[in-house]
Amino acid sequence: MVEKVDAEGAVKYRVDVYIGSDNDSRKIHDTYLDKVKKWANETFPDGYTILRGEGYYDGDSEDSVLLYAFLSQDLSLKPQLRRLKQELEQEAILFVKSKVDYKVV
């Protein structure tokens, strides 16, 4: 669970998780997206955003999802990402973590 940090000037993070489609259909169906949302609800209980689009992997186009969330502390998400990768039967999931300065207005 992510703790909230109220201290001004605390380092904050944005995480981006790039997820490809079902390997057989190359499409993202509702049941597939439900698995992503279930994982995201458990991993980012304070909130996240999902954007659907078209991505390319090994030169082939496929439906894809970009999930991003903001965190108030530096968390290791490796176990959670491994679980998602296994659940979705993916060869790879791209994960990016960046230090950011953001304010909620």
C-alpha atoms as a PDB file:
ATOM      1  CA  MET A   1       0.000   0.000   0.000  1.00  0.00           C
ATOM      2  CA  VAL A   2       1.252   3.491  -0.867  1.00  0.00           C
ATOM      3  CA  GLU A   3       1.545   5.968   2.009  1.00  0.00           C
ATOM      4  CA  LYS A   4       0.696   9.624   1.464  1.00  0.00           C
ATOM      5  CA  VAL A   5       3.465  12.120   2.126  1.00  0.00           C
ATOM      6  CA  ASP A   6       2.346  15.631   3.010  1.00  0.00           C
ATOM      7  CA  ALA A   7       5.804  17.130   3.399  1.00  0.00           C
ATOM      8  CA  GLU A   8       6.452  19.953   0.934  1.00  0.00           C
ATOM      9  CA  GLY A   9       9.369  19.151  -1.332  1.00  0.00           C
ATOM     10  CA  ALA A  10       9.160  15.385  -0.846  1.00  0.00           C
ATOM     11  CA  VAL A  11      10.355  13.406  -3.852  1.00  0.00           C
ATOM     12  CA  LYS A  12       7.503  11.957  -5.853  1.00  0.00           C
ATOM     13  CA  TYR A  13       7.434   9.397  -8.642  1.00  0.00           C
ATOM     14  CA  ARG A  14       5.491   8.650 -11.791  1.00  0.00           C
ATOM     15  CA  VAL A  15       5.365   5.071 -12.987  1.00  0.00           C
ATOM     16  CA  ASP A  16       4.427   4.068 -16.516  1.00  0.00           C
ATOM     17  CA  VAL A  17       3.528   0.471 -17.308  1.00  0.00           C
ATOM     18  CA  TYR A  18       3.334  -0.442 -21.004  1.00  0.00           C
ATOM     19  CA  ILE A  19       1.287  -3.592 -21.610  1.00  0.00           C
ATOM     20  CA  GLY A  20       0.785  -5.337 -24.930  1.00  0.00           C
ATOM     21  CA  SER A  21      -2.304  -7.212 -26.024  1.00  0.00           C
ATOM     22  CA  ASP A  22      -3.335 -10.815 -25.755  1.00  0.00           C
ATOM     23  CA  ASN A  23      -0.669 -12.700 -27.702  1.00  0.00           C
ATOM     24  CA  ASP A  24      -3.133 -14.786 -29.720  1.00  0.00           C
ATOM     25  CA  SER A  25      -5.575 -12.127 -30.904  1.00  0.00           C
ATOM     26  CA  ARG A  26      -3.305  -9.046 -30.632  1.00  0.00           C
ATOM     27  CA  LYS A  27      -6.411  -7.314 -29.239  1.00  0.00           C
ATOM     28  CA  ILE A  28      -7.319  -6.157 -25.752  1.00  0.00           C
ATOM     29  CA  HIS A  29     -10.652  -7.688 -24.839  1.00  0.00           C
ATOM     30  CA  ASP A  30     -12.714  -6.819 -21.766  1.00  0.00           C
ATOM     31  CA  THR A  31     -11.586  -9.889 -19.794  1.00  0.00           C
ATOM     32  CA  TYR A  32      -7.928  -9.021 -20.466  1.00  0.00           C
ATOM     33  CA  LEU A  33      -8.463  -5.399 -19.433  1.00  0.00           C
ATOM     34  CA  ASP A  34     -10.299  -6.575 -16.295  1.00  0.00           C
ATOM     35  CA  LYS A  35      -7.124  -8.451 -15.250  1.00  0.00           C
ATOM     36  CA  VAL A  36      -5.081  -5.274 -15.735  1.00  0.00           C
ATOM     37  CA  LYS A  37      -7.572  -3.210 -13.705  1.00  0.00           C
ATOM     38  CA  LYS A  38      -7.689  -5.776 -10.886  1.00  0.00           C
ATOM     39  CA  TRP A  39      -3.888  -5.695 -10.671  1.00  0.00           C
ATOM     40  CA  ALA A  40      -3.825  -1.884 -10.805  1.00  0.00           C
ATOM     41  CA  ASN A  41      -6.483  -1.560  -8.081  1.00  0.00           C
ATOM     42  CA  GLU A  42      -4.366  -3.720  -5.765  1.00  0.00           C
ATOM     43  CA  THR A  43      -1.050  -2.102  -6.698  1.00  0.00           C
ATOM     44  CA  PHE A  44      -2.118   1.570  -6.874  1.00  0.00           C
ATOM     45  CA  PRO A  45      -5.021   1.967  -4.420  1.00  0.00           C
ATOM     46  CA  ASP A  46      -4.693   5.779  -4.493  1.00  0.00           C
ATOM     47  CA  GLY A  47      -5.460   5.863  -8.220  1.00  0.00           C
ATOM     48  CA  TYR A  48      -4.082   5.423 -11.703  1.00  0.00           C
ATOM     49  CA  THR A  49      -4.944   6.167 -15.327  1.00  0.00           C
ATOM     50  CA  ILE A  50      -5.262   3.709 -18.211  1.00  0.00           C
ATOM     51  CA  LEU A  51      -4.923   4.791 -21.832  1.00  0.00           C
ATOM     52  CA  ARG A  52      -5.628   2.403 -24.707  1.00  0.00           C
ATOM     53  CA  GLY A  53      -3.798   2.675 -27.981  1.00  0.00           C
ATOM     54  CA  GLU A  54      -1.749   0.947 -30.631  1.00  0.00           C
ATOM     55  CA  GLY A  55       1.768  -0.196 -29.879  1.00  0.00           C
ATOM     56  CA  TYR A  56       4.521  -1.993 -31.722  1.00  0.00           C
ATOM     57  CA  TYR A  57       6.555  -4.937 -30.482  1.00  0.00           C
ATOM     58  CA  ASP A  58       9.088  -6.778 -32.611  1.00  0.00           C
ATOM     59  CA  GLY A  59       7.874  -4.774 -35.614  1.00  0.00           C
ATOM     60  CA  ASP A  60       4.232  -5.859 -35.339  1.00  0.00           C
ATOM     61  CA  SER A  61       1.336  -3.619 -34.308  1.00  0.00           C
ATOM     62  CA  GLU A  62      -0.999  -4.617 -31.501  1.00  0.00           C
ATOM     63  CA  ASP A  63      -3.522  -3.104 -29.146  1.00  0.00           C
ATOM     64  CA  SER A  64      -1.772  -1.803 -26.065  1.00  0.00           C
ATOM     65  CA  VAL A  65      -2.412  -0.202 -22.714  1.00  0.00           C
ATOM     66  CA  LEU A  66      -0.423   2.485 -20.939  1.00  0.00           C
ATOM     67  CA  LEU A  67      -1.081   2.581 -17.226  1.00  0.00           C
ATOM     68  CA  TYR A  68       0.415   5.376 -15.188  1.00  0.00           C
ATOM     69  CA  ALA A  69       0.278   6.318 -11.535  1.00  0.00           C
ATOM     70  CA  PHE A  70       1.891   8.808  -9.183  1.00  0.00           C
ATOM     71  CA  LEU A  71       3.560   7.632  -5.977  1.00  0.00           C
ATOM     72  CA  SER A  72       4.679   9.550  -2.909  1.00  0.00           C
ATOM     73  CA  GLN A  73       7.551   7.142  -2.228  1.00  0.00           C
ATOM     74  CA  ASP A  74       9.999   4.977  -4.126  1.00  0.00           C
ATOM     75  CA  LEU A  75       8.519   1.480  -4.172  1.00  0.00           C
ATOM     76  CA  SER A  76       9.961  -1.672  -5.700  1.00  0.00           C
ATOM     77  CA  LEU A  77       7.202  -3.022  -7.922  1.00  0.00           C
ATOM     78  CA  LYS A  78       9.158  -5.949  -9.357  1.00  0.00           C
ATOM     79  CA  PRO A  79       7.108  -8.719  -7.637  1.00  0.00           C
ATOM     80  CA  GLN A  80       3.816  -7.112  -8.663  1.00  0.00           C
ATOM     81  CA  LEU A  81       5.011  -6.678 -12.257  1.00  0.00           C
ATOM     82  CA  ARG A  82       6.158 -10.300 -12.449  1.00  0.00           C
ATOM     83  CA  ARG A  83       2.733 -11.410 -11.238  1.00  0.00           C
ATOM     84  CA  LEU A  84       0.994  -9.250 -13.879  1.00  0.00           C
ATOM     85  CA  LYS A  85       3.309 -10.544 -16.614  1.00  0.00           C
ATOM     86  CA  GLN A  86       2.495 -14.127 -15.625  1.00  0.00           C
ATOM     87  CA  GLU A  87      -1.245 -13.468 -15.299  1.00  0.00           C
ATOM     88  CA  LEU A  88      -1.374 -11.933 -18.791  1.00  0.00           C
ATOM     89  CA  GLU A  89       1.024 -14.516 -20.252  1.00  0.00           C
ATOM     90  CA  GLN A  90       3.212 -11.741 -21.633  1.00  0.00           C
ATOM     91  CA  GLU A  91       6.749 -12.119 -22.915  1.00  0.00           C
ATOM     92  CA  ALA A  92       7.599  -8.644 -21.583  1.00  0.00           C
ATOM     93  CA  ILE A  93       6.071  -5.618 -19.864  1.00  0.00           C
ATOM     94  CA  LEU A  94       7.884  -2.280 -20.012  1.00  0.00           C
ATOM     95  CA  PHE A  95       8.090  -0.331 -16.737  1.00  0.00           C
ATOM     96  CA  VAL A  96       9.424   3.225 -16.353  1.00  0.00           C
ATOM     97  CA  LYS A  97       9.818   5.062 -13.037  1.00  0.00           C
ATOM     98  CA  SER A  98      10.674   8.782 -13.011  1.00  0.00           C
ATOM     99  CA  LYS A  99      11.152  11.374 -10.295  1.00  0.00           C
ATOM    100  CA  VAL A 100       8.632  14.163 -10.835  1.00  0.00           C
ATOM    101  CA  ASP A 101       7.443  17.367  -9.257  1.00  0.00           C
ATOM    102  CA  TYR A 102       3.684  17.571  -9.221  1.00  0.00           C
ATOM    103  CA  LYS A 103       0.961  19.393  -7.336  1.00  0.00           C
ATOM    104  CA  VAL A 104      -2.727  18.614  -7.042  1.00  0.00           C
ATOM    105  CA  VAL A 105      -4.804  21.766  -7.508  1.00  0.00           C
END
